[in-house]
């Protein structure tokens, strides 16, 4: 599967929109939904190959996103999925950096 920057941009825009709307009580759900949208854009894609086609700044943004989506070491409990658990495990700084990366990369891919 080849990287489709238009599809990736659409998914990043959707994720950015999701992240702008929630109140504090629903933020873990919003993050989980954003993670899902972004994972759709990255399905079957090697992020390292994508990063090679981006400038350094955009490659760094993508790495922030990929690192944030990484659920290694987490185990789903009951009905809660890995993305909810990941969202709850993030610090405020990690959430801020992730949101900034999503918005910035969506804008950059739109150029």
PDB file of N, CA and C in Angstrom:
ATOM      1  N   UNK A   1       0.849  -1.173   0.000  1.00  0.00           N
ATOM      2  CA  UNK A   1       0.000   0.000   0.000  1.00  0.00           C
ATOM      3  C   UNK A   1       0.897   1.239   0.000  1.00  0.00           C
ATOM      4  N   UNK A   2       0.591   2.173  -0.868  1.00  0.00           N
ATOM      5  CA  UNK A   2       1.380   3.405  -0.975  1.00  0.00           C
ATOM      6  C   UNK A   2       0.801   4.485  -0.068  1.00  0.00           C
ATOM      7  N   UNK A   3       1.670   5.365   0.361  1.00  0.00           N
ATOM      8  CA  UNK A   3       1.249   6.493   1.190  1.00  0.00           C
ATOM      9  C   UNK A   3       0.431   7.455   0.344  1.00  0.00           C
ATOM     10  N   UNK A   4      -0.755   7.775   0.795  1.00  0.00           N
ATOM     11  CA  UNK A   4      -1.637   8.717   0.109  1.00  0.00           C
ATOM     12  C   UNK A   4      -1.717   9.982   0.949  1.00  0.00           C
ATOM     13  N   UNK A   5      -0.981  11.036   0.577  1.00  0.00           N
ATOM     14  CA  UNK A   5      -0.964  12.241   1.400  1.00  0.00           C
ATOM     15  C   UNK A   5      -2.323  12.922   1.505  1.00  0.00           C
ATOM     16  N   UNK A   6      -3.158  12.799   0.480  1.00  0.00           N
ATOM     17  CA  UNK A   6      -4.489  13.416   0.537  1.00  0.00           C
ATOM     18  C   UNK A   6      -5.340  12.710   1.590  1.00  0.00           C
ATOM     19  N   UNK A   7      -5.330  11.377   1.573  1.00  0.00           N
ATOM     20  CA  UNK A   7      -6.080  10.610   2.571  1.00  0.00           C
ATOM     21  C   UNK A   7      -5.526  10.868   3.969  1.00  0.00           C
ATOM     22  N   UNK A   8      -4.203  10.879   4.086  1.00  0.00           N
ATOM     23  CA  UNK A   8      -3.576  11.147   5.387  1.00  0.00           C
ATOM     24  C   UNK A   8      -3.973  12.524   5.898  1.00  0.00           C
ATOM     25  N   UNK A   9      -3.963  13.523   5.015  1.00  0.00           N
ATOM     26  CA  UNK A   9      -4.358  14.878   5.410  1.00  0.00           C
ATOM     27  C   UNK A   9      -5.801  14.895   5.908  1.00  0.00           C
ATOM     28  N   UNK A  10      -6.696  14.221   5.187  1.00  0.00           N
ATOM     29  CA  UNK A  10      -8.105  14.166   5.604  1.00  0.00           C
ATOM     30  C   UNK A  10      -8.240  13.551   6.994  1.00  0.00           C
ATOM     31  N   UNK A  11      -7.529  12.463   7.244  1.00  0.00           N
ATOM     32  CA  UNK A  11      -7.608  11.800   8.545  1.00  0.00           C
ATOM     33  C   UNK A  11      -7.006  12.675   9.641  1.00  0.00           C
ATOM     34  N   UNK A  12      -5.913  13.371   9.331  1.00  0.00           N
ATOM     35  CA  UNK A  12      -5.311  14.279  10.310  1.00  0.00           C
ATOM     36  C   UNK A  12      -6.243  15.451  10.600  1.00  0.00           C
ATOM     37  N   UNK A  13      -6.896  15.993   9.569  1.00  0.00           N
ATOM     38  CA  UNK A  13      -7.875  17.068   9.785  1.00  0.00           C
ATOM     39  C   UNK A  13      -9.013  16.584  10.684  1.00  0.00           C
ATOM     40  N   UNK A  14      -9.504  15.374  10.402  1.00  0.00           N
ATOM     41  CA  UNK A  14     -10.578  14.816  11.230  1.00  0.00           C
ATOM     42  C   UNK A  14     -10.110  14.674  12.673  1.00  0.00           C
ATOM     43  N   UNK A  15      -8.910  14.141  12.849  1.00  0.00           N
ATOM     44  CA  UNK A  15      -8.360  13.979  14.201  1.00  0.00           C
ATOM     45  C   UNK A  15      -8.197  15.330  14.889  1.00  0.00           C
ATOM     46  N   UNK A  16      -7.695  16.326  14.159  1.00  0.00           N
ATOM     47  CA  UNK A  16      -7.517  17.664  14.740  1.00  0.00           C
ATOM     48  C   UNK A  16      -8.862  18.247  15.164  1.00  0.00           C
ATOM     49  N   UNK A  17      -9.889  18.045  14.350  1.00  0.00           N
ATOM     50  CA  UNK A  17     -11.231  18.534  14.700  1.00  0.00           C
ATOM     51  C   UNK A  17     -11.753  17.860  15.958  1.00  0.00           C
ATOM     52  N   UNK A  18     -11.558  16.568  16.053  1.00  0.00           N
ATOM     53  CA  UNK A  18     -11.992  15.820  17.236  1.00  0.00           C
ATOM     54  C   UNK A  18     -11.308  16.360  18.486  1.00  0.00           C
ATOM     55  N   UNK A  19     -10.029  16.657  18.368  1.00  0.00           N
ATOM     56  CA  UNK A  19      -9.253  17.104  19.525  1.00  0.00           C
ATOM     57  C   UNK A  19      -9.621  18.503  19.986  1.00  0.00           C
ATOM     58  N   UNK A  20     -10.255  19.297  19.144  1.00  0.00           N
ATOM     59  CA  UNK A  20     -10.611  20.668  19.509  1.00  0.00           C
ATOM     60  C   UNK A  20     -11.936  20.767  20.250  1.00  0.00           C
ATOM     61  N   UNK A  21     -12.733  19.747  20.223  1.00  0.00           N
ATOM     62  CA  UNK A  21     -14.098  19.845  20.724  1.00  0.00           C
ATOM     63  C   UNK A  21     -14.366  19.381  22.151  1.00  0.00           C
ATOM     64  N   UNK A  22     -13.628  18.438  22.701  1.00  0.00           N
ATOM     65  CA  UNK A  22     -14.078  17.819  23.953  1.00  0.00           C
ATOM     66  C   UNK A  22     -13.886  18.684  25.189  1.00  0.00           C
ATOM     67  N   UNK A  23     -14.731  18.393  26.180  1.00  0.00           N
ATOM     68  CA  UNK A  23     -14.485  18.986  27.494  1.00  0.00           C
ATOM     69  C   UNK A  23     -13.571  18.025  28.255  1.00  0.00           C
ATOM     70  N   UNK A  24     -13.146  18.403  29.424  1.00  0.00           N
ATOM     71  CA  UNK A  24     -12.178  17.615  30.185  1.00  0.00           C
ATOM     72  C   UNK A  24     -12.602  16.194  30.472  1.00  0.00           C
ATOM     73  N   UNK A  25     -13.892  15.977  30.696  1.00  0.00           N
ATOM     74  CA  UNK A  25     -14.366  14.648  31.067  1.00  0.00           C
ATOM     75  C   UNK A  25     -14.332  13.670  29.897  1.00  0.00           C
ATOM     76  N   UNK A  26     -14.377  14.183  28.684  1.00  0.00           N
ATOM     77  CA  UNK A  26     -14.444  13.327  27.504  1.00  0.00           C
ATOM     78  C   UNK A  26     -13.138  13.298  26.715  1.00  0.00           C
ATOM     79  N   UNK A  27     -12.071  13.875  27.271  1.00  0.00           N
ATOM     80  CA  UNK A  27     -10.849  14.006  26.497  1.00  0.00           C
ATOM     81  C   UNK A  27     -10.213  12.666  26.149  1.00  0.00           C
ATOM     82  N   UNK A  28     -10.292  11.693  27.051  1.00  0.00           N
ATOM     83  CA  UNK A  28      -9.719  10.391  26.725  1.00  0.00           C
ATOM     84  C   UNK A  28     -10.450   9.753  25.549  1.00  0.00           C
ATOM     85  N   UNK A  29     -11.764   9.941  25.479  1.00  0.00           N
ATOM     86  CA  UNK A  29     -12.540   9.433  24.340  1.00  0.00           C
ATOM     87  C   UNK A  29     -12.144  10.143  23.051  1.00  0.00           C
ATOM     88  N   UNK A  30     -11.958  11.463  23.133  1.00  0.00           N
ATOM     89  CA  UNK A  30     -11.561  12.236  21.955  1.00  0.00           C
ATOM     90  C   UNK A  30     -10.184  11.798  21.464  1.00  0.00           C
ATOM     91  N   UNK A  31      -9.257  11.636  22.390  1.00  0.00           N
ATOM     92  CA  UNK A  31      -7.925  11.171  22.006  1.00  0.00           C
ATOM     93  C   UNK A  31      -8.001   9.793  21.360  1.00  0.00           C
ATOM     94  N   UNK A  32      -8.779   8.902  21.936  1.00  0.00           N
ATOM     95  CA  UNK A  32      -8.934   7.565  21.381  1.00  0.00           C
ATOM     96  C   UNK A  32      -9.492   7.626  19.959  1.00  0.00           C
ATOM     97  N   UNK A  33     -10.485   8.474  19.745  1.00  0.00           N
ATOM     98  CA  UNK A  33     -11.061   8.640  18.402  1.00  0.00           C
ATOM     99  C   UNK A  33     -10.037   9.217  17.433  1.00  0.00           C
ATOM    100  N   UNK A  34      -9.262  10.184  17.894  1.00  0.00           N
ATOM    101  CA  UNK A  34      -8.210  10.768  17.053  1.00  0.00           C
ATOM    102  C   UNK A  34      -7.156   9.713  16.713  1.00  0.00           C
ATOM    103  N   UNK A  35      -6.778   8.902  17.696  1.00  0.00           N
ATOM    104  CA  UNK A  35      -5.807   7.832  17.443  1.00  0.00           C
ATOM    105  C   UNK A  35      -6.326   6.902  16.344  1.00  0.00           C
ATOM    106  N   UNK A  36      -7.612   6.563  16.427  1.00  0.00           N
ATOM    107  CA  UNK A  36      -8.207   5.668  15.439  1.00  0.00           C
ATOM    108  C   UNK A  36      -8.160   6.285  14.044  1.00  0.00           C
ATOM    109  N   UNK A  37      -8.552   7.545  13.923  1.00  0.00           N
ATOM    110  CA  UNK A  37      -8.536   8.223  12.620  1.00  0.00           C
ATOM    111  C   UNK A  37      -7.136   8.215  12.020  1.00  0.00           C
ATOM    112  N   UNK A  38      -6.154   8.521  12.829  1.00  0.00           N
ATOM    113  CA  UNK A  38      -4.776   8.564  12.338  1.00  0.00           C
ATOM    114  C   UNK A  38      -4.294   7.165  11.978  1.00  0.00           C
ATOM    115  N   UNK A  39      -4.679   6.172  12.769  1.00  0.00           N
ATOM    116  CA  UNK A  39      -4.258   4.802  12.459  1.00  0.00           C
ATOM    117  C   UNK A  39      -4.807   4.359  11.106  1.00  0.00           C
ATOM    118  N   UNK A  40      -5.985   4.859  10.715  1.00  0.00           N
ATOM    119  CA  UNK A  40      -6.535   4.541   9.396  1.00  0.00           C
ATOM    120  C   UNK A  40      -5.627   5.061   8.287  1.00  0.00           C
ATOM    121  N   UNK A  41      -5.065   6.240   8.494  1.00  0.00           N
ATOM    122  CA  UNK A  41      -4.167   6.821   7.496  1.00  0.00           C
ATOM    123  C   UNK A  41      -2.848   6.067   7.417  1.00  0.00           C
ATOM    124  N   UNK A  42      -2.468   5.396   8.495  1.00  0.00           N
ATOM    125  CA  UNK A  42      -1.161   4.733   8.549  1.00  0.00           C
ATOM    126  C   UNK A  42      -1.231   3.220   8.369  1.00  0.00           C
ATOM    127  N   UNK A  43      -2.437   2.682   8.153  1.00  0.00           N
ATOM    128  CA  UNK A  43      -2.593   1.232   8.025  1.00  0.00           C
ATOM    129  C   UNK A  43      -1.728   0.708   6.867  1.00  0.00           C
ATOM    130  N   UNK A  44      -0.920  -0.288   7.156  1.00  0.00           N
ATOM    131  CA  UNK A  44      -0.099  -0.914   6.126  1.00  0.00           C
ATOM    132  C   UNK A  44       1.050  -0.062   5.620  1.00  0.00           C
ATOM    133  N   UNK A  45       1.317   1.047   6.278  1.00  0.00           N
ATOM    134  CA  UNK A  45       2.350   1.983   5.842  1.00  0.00           C
ATOM    135  C   UNK A  45       3.521   1.924   6.820  1.00  0.00           C
ATOM    136  N   UNK A  46       4.715   1.955   6.276  1.00  0.00           N
ATOM    137  CA  UNK A  46       5.918   2.028   7.108  1.00  0.00           C
ATOM    138  C   UNK A  46       6.229   3.502   7.358  1.00  0.00           C
ATOM    139  N   UNK A  47       6.035   3.988   8.588  1.00  0.00           N
ATOM    140  CA  UNK A  47       6.280   5.407   8.871  1.00  0.00           C
ATOM    141  C   UNK A  47       7.690   5.862   8.502  1.00  0.00           C
ATOM    142  N   UNK A  48       8.660   4.961   8.569  1.00  0.00           N
ATOM    143  CA  UNK A  48      10.036   5.336   8.214  1.00  0.00           C
ATOM    144  C   UNK A  48      10.132   5.714   6.739  1.00  0.00           C
ATOM    145  N   UNK A  49       9.403   5.013   5.880  1.00  0.00           N
ATOM    146  CA  UNK A  49       9.406   5.340   4.449  1.00  0.00           C
ATOM    147  C   UNK A  49       8.708   6.670   4.198  1.00  0.00           C
ATOM    148  N   UNK A  50       7.639   6.930   4.939  1.00  0.00           N
ATOM    149  CA  UNK A  50       6.939   8.210   4.796  1.00  0.00           C
ATOM    150  C   UNK A  50       7.856   9.339   5.239  1.00  0.00           C
ATOM    151  N   UNK A  51       8.509   9.158   6.382  1.00  0.00           N
ATOM    152  CA  UNK A  51       9.387  10.210   6.912  1.00  0.00           C
ATOM    153  C   UNK A  51      10.480  10.571   5.920  1.00  0.00           C
ATOM    154  N   UNK A  52      10.943   9.592   5.143  1.00  0.00           N
ATOM    155  CA  UNK A  52      11.998   9.850   4.162  1.00  0.00           C
ATOM    156  C   UNK A  52      11.532  10.819   3.078  1.00  0.00           C
ATOM    157  N   UNK A  53      10.220  10.882   2.849  1.00  0.00           N
ATOM    158  CA  UNK A  53       9.696  11.780   1.817  1.00  0.00           C
ATOM    159  C   UNK A  53       9.290  13.147   2.373  1.00  0.00           C
ATOM    160  N   UNK A  54       9.432  13.343   3.673  1.00  0.00           N
ATOM    161  CA  UNK A  54       9.043  14.599   4.316  1.00  0.00           C
ATOM    162  C   UNK A  54      10.273  15.425   4.661  1.00  0.00           C
ATOM    163  N   UNK A  55      10.060  16.732   4.841  1.00  0.00           N
ATOM    164  CA  UNK A  55      11.180  17.533   5.338  1.00  0.00           C
ATOM    165  C   UNK A  55      11.393  17.195   6.815  1.00  0.00           C
ATOM    166  N   UNK A  56      12.504  17.664   7.367  1.00  0.00           N
ATOM    167  CA  UNK A  56      12.873  17.287   8.740  1.00  0.00           C
ATOM    168  C   UNK A  56      11.805  17.649   9.762  1.00  0.00           C
ATOM    169  N   UNK A  57      11.214  18.820   9.615  1.00  0.00           N
ATOM    170  CA  UNK A  57      10.196  19.276  10.564  1.00  0.00           C
ATOM    171  C   UNK A  57       8.964  18.372  10.529  1.00  0.00           C
ATOM    172  N   UNK A  58       8.490  18.060   9.317  1.00  0.00           N
ATOM    173  CA  UNK A  58       7.319  17.195   9.187  1.00  0.00           C
ATOM    174  C   UNK A  58       7.628  15.767   9.631  1.00  0.00           C
ATOM    175  N   UNK A  59       8.842  15.306   9.365  1.00  0.00           N
ATOM    176  CA  UNK A  59       9.241  13.967   9.812  1.00  0.00           C
ATOM    177  C   UNK A  59       9.227  13.891  11.336  1.00  0.00           C
ATOM    178  N   UNK A  60       9.651  14.966  11.986  1.00  0.00           N
ATOM    179  CA  UNK A  60       9.630  15.009  13.453  1.00  0.00           C
ATOM    180  C   UNK A  60       8.192  15.004  13.975  1.00  0.00           C
ATOM    181  N   UNK A  61       7.307  15.732  13.300  1.00  0.00           N
ATOM    182  CA  UNK A  61       5.890  15.738  13.686  1.00  0.00           C
ATOM    183  C   UNK A  61       5.300  14.335  13.560  1.00  0.00           C
ATOM    184  N   UNK A  62       5.600  13.678  12.441  1.00  0.00           N
ATOM    185  CA  UNK A  62       5.099  12.318  12.238  1.00  0.00           C
ATOM    186  C   UNK A  62       5.630  11.381  13.315  1.00  0.00           C
ATOM    187  N   UNK A  63       6.887  11.536  13.688  1.00  0.00           N
ATOM    188  CA  UNK A  63       7.460  10.679  14.728  1.00  0.00           C
ATOM    189  C   UNK A  63       6.754  10.894  16.063  1.00  0.00           C
ATOM    190  N   UNK A  64       6.422  12.137  16.384  1.00  0.00           N
ATOM    191  CA  UNK A  64       5.665  12.425  17.610  1.00  0.00           C
ATOM    192  C   UNK A  64       4.324  11.699  17.583  1.00  0.00           C
ATOM    193  N   UNK A  65       3.657  11.739  16.439  1.00  0.00           N
ATOM    194  CA  UNK A  65       2.354  11.079  16.294  1.00  0.00           C
ATOM    195  C   UNK A  65       2.507   9.566  16.438  1.00  0.00           C
ATOM    196  N   UNK A  66       3.462   8.998  15.731  1.00  0.00           N
ATOM    197  CA  UNK A  66       3.685   7.545  15.778  1.00  0.00           C
ATOM    198  C   UNK A  66       4.037   7.102  17.196  1.00  0.00           C
ATOM    199  N   UNK A  67       4.906   7.851  17.858  1.00  0.00           N
ATOM    200  CA  UNK A  67       5.277   7.513  19.240  1.00  0.00           C
ATOM    201  C   UNK A  67       4.066   7.565  20.166  1.00  0.00           C
ATOM    202  N   UNK A  68       3.205   8.543  19.964  1.00  0.00           N
ATOM    203  CA  UNK A  68       2.015   8.677  20.808  1.00  0.00           C
ATOM    204  C   UNK A  68       1.044   7.534  20.571  1.00  0.00           C
ATOM    205  N   UNK A  69       0.931   7.072  19.341  1.00  0.00           N
ATOM    206  CA  UNK A  69       0.017   5.972  19.020  1.00  0.00           C
ATOM    207  C   UNK A  69       0.518   4.608  19.495  1.00  0.00           C
ATOM    208  N   UNK A  70       1.774   4.509  19.852  1.00  0.00           N
ATOM    209  CA  UNK A  70       2.366   3.228  20.246  1.00  0.00           C
ATOM    210  C   UNK A  70       1.740   2.707  21.545  1.00  0.00           C
ATOM    211  N   UNK A  71       1.145   1.540  21.455  1.00  0.00           N
ATOM    212  CA  UNK A  71       0.494   0.933  22.624  1.00  0.00           C
ATOM    213  C   UNK A  71       1.295  -0.245  23.181  1.00  0.00           C
ATOM    214  N   UNK A  72       2.549  -0.337  22.794  1.00  0.00           N
ATOM    215  CA  UNK A  72       3.410  -1.409  23.296  1.00  0.00           C
ATOM    216  C   UNK A  72       3.418  -1.397  24.825  1.00  0.00           C
ATOM    217  N   UNK A  73       3.220  -2.562  25.400  1.00  0.00           N
ATOM    218  CA  UNK A  73       3.246  -2.687  26.852  1.00  0.00           C
ATOM    219  C   UNK A  73       1.894  -2.500  27.519  1.00  0.00           C
ATOM    220  N   UNK A  74       0.889  -2.085  26.759  1.00  0.00           N
ATOM    221  CA  UNK A  74      -0.454  -1.931  27.324  1.00  0.00           C
ATOM    222  C   UNK A  74      -1.267  -3.189  27.052  1.00  0.00           C
ATOM    223  N   UNK A  75      -2.151  -3.521  27.970  1.00  0.00           N
ATOM    224  CA  UNK A  75      -3.035  -4.669  27.824  1.00  0.00           C
ATOM    225  C   UNK A  75      -4.466  -4.203  28.021  1.00  0.00           C
ATOM    226  N   UNK A  76      -5.318  -4.527  27.048  1.00  0.00           N
ATOM    227  CA  UNK A  76      -6.725  -4.139  27.134  1.00  0.00           C
ATOM    228  C   UNK A  76      -7.370  -4.807  28.345  1.00  0.00           C
ATOM    229  N   UNK A  77      -8.244  -4.054  29.013  1.00  0.00           N
ATOM    230  CA  UNK A  77      -8.935  -4.543  30.200  1.00  0.00           C
ATOM    231  C   UNK A  77     -10.436  -4.386  29.969  1.00  0.00           C
ATOM    232  N   UNK A  78     -11.166  -5.491  30.064  1.00  0.00           N
ATOM    233  CA  UNK A  78     -12.615  -5.425  29.891  1.00  0.00           C
ATOM    234  C   UNK A  78     -12.984  -4.865  28.531  1.00  0.00           C
ATOM    235  N   UNK A  79     -13.910  -3.915  28.545  1.00  0.00           N
ATOM    236  CA  UNK A  79     -14.397  -3.314  27.307  1.00  0.00           C
ATOM    237  C   UNK A  79     -13.526  -2.167  26.815  1.00  0.00           C
ATOM    238  N   UNK A  80     -12.550  -1.774  27.596  1.00  0.00           N
ATOM    239  CA  UNK A  80     -11.727  -0.634  27.216  1.00  0.00           C
ATOM    240  C   UNK A  80     -10.617  -1.067  26.268  1.00  0.00           C
ATOM    241  N   UNK A  81     -10.519  -0.360  25.164  1.00  0.00           N
ATOM    242  CA  UNK A  81      -9.499  -0.671  24.176  1.00  0.00           C
ATOM    243  C   UNK A  81      -8.156  -0.057  24.520  1.00  0.00           C
ATOM    244  N   UNK A  82      -7.175  -0.432  23.737  1.00  0.00           N
ATOM    245  CA  UNK A  82      -5.816   0.053  23.971  1.00  0.00           C
ATOM    246  C   UNK A  82      -5.695   1.562  23.789  1.00  0.00           C
ATOM    247  N   UNK A  83      -6.442   2.123  22.845  1.00  0.00           N
ATOM    248  CA  UNK A  83      -6.329   3.568  22.624  1.00  0.00           C
ATOM    249  C   UNK A  83      -6.867   4.371  23.805  1.00  0.00           C
ATOM    250  N   UNK A  84      -7.905   3.894  24.455  1.00  0.00           N
ATOM    251  CA  UNK A  84      -8.405   4.573  25.659  1.00  0.00           C
ATOM    252  C   UNK A  84      -7.353   4.498  26.762  1.00  0.00           C
ATOM    253  N   UNK A  85      -6.780   3.319  26.942  1.00  0.00           N
ATOM    254  CA  UNK A  85      -5.738   3.164  27.963  1.00  0.00           C
ATOM    255  C   UNK A  85      -4.540   4.051  27.656  1.00  0.00           C
ATOM    256  N   UNK A  86      -4.163   4.115  26.383  1.00  0.00           N
ATOM    257  CA  UNK A  86      -3.044   4.971  25.994  1.00  0.00           C
ATOM    258  C   UNK A  86      -3.376   6.430  26.282  1.00  0.00           C
ATOM    259  N   UNK A  87      -4.586   6.851  25.926  1.00  0.00           N
ATOM    260  CA  UNK A  87      -5.000   8.243  26.157  1.00  0.00           C
ATOM    261  C   UNK A  87      -4.908   8.599  27.635  1.00  0.00           C
ATOM    262  N   UNK A  88      -5.341   7.695  28.476  1.00  0.00           N
ATOM    263  CA  UNK A  88      -5.319   7.954  29.921  1.00  0.00           C
ATOM    264  C   UNK A  88      -3.900   7.958  30.492  1.00  0.00           C
ATOM    265  N   UNK A  89      -2.969   7.341  29.792  1.00  0.00           N
ATOM    266  CA  UNK A  89      -1.595   7.253  30.302  1.00  0.00           C
ATOM    267  C   UNK A  89      -0.740   8.470  29.942  1.00  0.00           C
ATOM    268  N   UNK A  90      -1.251   9.329  29.080  1.00  0.00           N
ATOM    269  CA  UNK A  90      -0.456  10.465  28.600  1.00  0.00           C
ATOM    270  C   UNK A  90      -0.454  11.625  29.586  1.00  0.00           C
ATOM    271  N   UNK A  91       0.678  12.279  29.663  1.00  0.00           N
ATOM    272  CA  UNK A  91       0.775  13.499  30.475  1.00  0.00           C
ATOM    273  C   UNK A  91       0.173  14.668  29.690  1.00  0.00           C
ATOM    274  N   UNK A  92      -0.065  15.774  30.375  1.00  0.00           N
ATOM    275  CA  UNK A  92      -0.582  16.962  29.693  1.00  0.00           C
ATOM    276  C   UNK A  92       0.376  17.423  28.606  1.00  0.00           C
ATOM    277  N   UNK A  93       1.673  17.352  28.870  1.00  0.00           N
ATOM    278  CA  UNK A  93       2.666  17.758  27.876  1.00  0.00           C
ATOM    279  C   UNK A  93       2.625  16.838  26.656  1.00  0.00           C
ATOM    280  N   UNK A  94       2.500  15.542  26.873  1.00  0.00           N
ATOM    281  CA  UNK A  94       2.414  14.601  25.754  1.00  0.00           C
ATOM    282  C   UNK A  94       1.159  14.854  24.920  1.00  0.00           C
ATOM    283  N   UNK A  95       0.052  15.133  25.588  1.00  0.00           N
ATOM    284  CA  UNK A  95      -1.190  15.439  24.873  1.00  0.00           C
ATOM    285  C   UNK A  95      -1.014  16.711  24.060  1.00  0.00           C
ATOM    286  N   UNK A  96      -0.438  17.731  24.667  1.00  0.00           N
ATOM    287  CA  UNK A  96      -0.204  18.996  23.968  1.00  0.00           C
ATOM    288  C   UNK A  96       0.676  18.771  22.740  1.00  0.00           C
ATOM    289  N   UNK A  97       1.788  18.067  22.909  1.00  0.00           N
ATOM    290  CA  UNK A  97       2.704  17.814  21.796  1.00  0.00           C
ATOM    291  C   UNK A  97       2.028  17.022  20.682  1.00  0.00           C
ATOM    292  N   UNK A  98       1.219  16.031  21.064  1.00  0.00           N
ATOM    293  CA  UNK A  98       0.492  15.234  20.079  1.00  0.00           C
ATOM    294  C   UNK A  98      -0.492  16.104  19.301  1.00  0.00           C
ATOM    295  N   UNK A  99      -1.280  16.895  20.005  1.00  0.00           N
ATOM    296  CA  UNK A  99      -2.269  17.756  19.348  1.00  0.00           C
ATOM    297  C   UNK A  99      -1.594  18.746  18.402  1.00  0.00           C
ATOM    298  N   UNK A 100      -0.501  19.339  18.847  1.00  0.00           N
ATOM    299  CA  UNK A 100       0.249  20.274  17.998  1.00  0.00           C
ATOM    300  C   UNK A 100       0.793  19.562  16.761  1.00  0.00           C
ATOM    301  N   UNK A 101       1.302  18.352  16.935  1.00  0.00           N
ATOM    302  CA  UNK A 101       1.851  17.598  15.809  1.00  0.00           C
ATOM    303  C   UNK A 101       0.763  17.255  14.797  1.00  0.00           C
ATOM    304  N   UNK A 102      -0.398  16.830  15.277  1.00  0.00           N
ATOM    305  CA  UNK A 102      -1.508  16.488  14.386  1.00  0.00           C
ATOM    306  C   UNK A 102      -1.937  17.713  13.586  1.00  0.00           C
ATOM    307  N   UNK A 103      -2.150  18.818  14.260  1.00  0.00           N
ATOM    308  CA  UNK A 103      -2.592  20.031  13.576  1.00  0.00           C
ATOM    309  C   UNK A 103      -1.528  20.527  12.602  1.00  0.00           C
ATOM    310  N   UNK A 104      -0.293  20.592  13.038  1.00  0.00           N
ATOM    311  CA  UNK A 104       0.785  21.106  12.182  1.00  0.00           C
ATOM    312  C   UNK A 104       1.009  20.226  10.957  1.00  0.00           C
ATOM    313  N   UNK A 105       0.997  18.908  11.142  1.00  0.00           N
ATOM    314  CA  UNK A 105       1.214  18.023  10.001  1.00  0.00           C
ATOM    315  C   UNK A 105       0.026  18.058   9.049  1.00  0.00           C
ATOM    316  N   UNK A 106      -1.186  18.182   9.573  1.00  0.00           N
ATOM    317  CA  UNK A 106      -2.348  18.270   8.682  1.00  0.00           C
ATOM    318  C   UNK A 106      -2.270  19.531   7.827  1.00  0.00           C
ATOM    319  N   UNK A 107      -1.823  20.625   8.404  1.00  0.00           N
ATOM    320  CA  UNK A 107      -1.663  21.873   7.647  1.00  0.00           C
ATOM    321  C   UNK A 107      -0.554  21.715   6.612  1.00  0.00           C
ATOM    322  N   UNK A 108       0.550  21.133   7.020  1.00  0.00           N
ATOM    323  CA  UNK A 108       1.687  20.964   6.113  1.00  0.00           C
ATOM    324  C   UNK A 108       1.338  20.067   4.926  1.00  0.00           C
ATOM    325  N   UNK A 109       0.641  18.973   5.170  1.00  0.00           N
ATOM    326  CA  UNK A 109       0.253  18.079   4.075  1.00  0.00           C
ATOM    327  C   UNK A 109      -0.772  18.732   3.156  1.00  0.00           C
ATOM    328  N   UNK A 110      -1.450  19.758   3.654  1.00  0.00           N
ATOM    329  CA  UNK A 110      -2.441  20.471   2.852  1.00  0.00           C
ATOM    330  C   UNK A 110      -1.834  21.461   1.873  1.00  0.00           C
ATOM    331  N   UNK A 111      -0.546  21.708   2.018  1.00  0.00           N
ATOM    332  CA  UNK A 111       0.109  22.667   1.105  1.00  0.00           C
ATOM    333  C   UNK A 111       0.463  22.027  -0.196  1.00  0.00           C
TER     334      UNK A 111
END
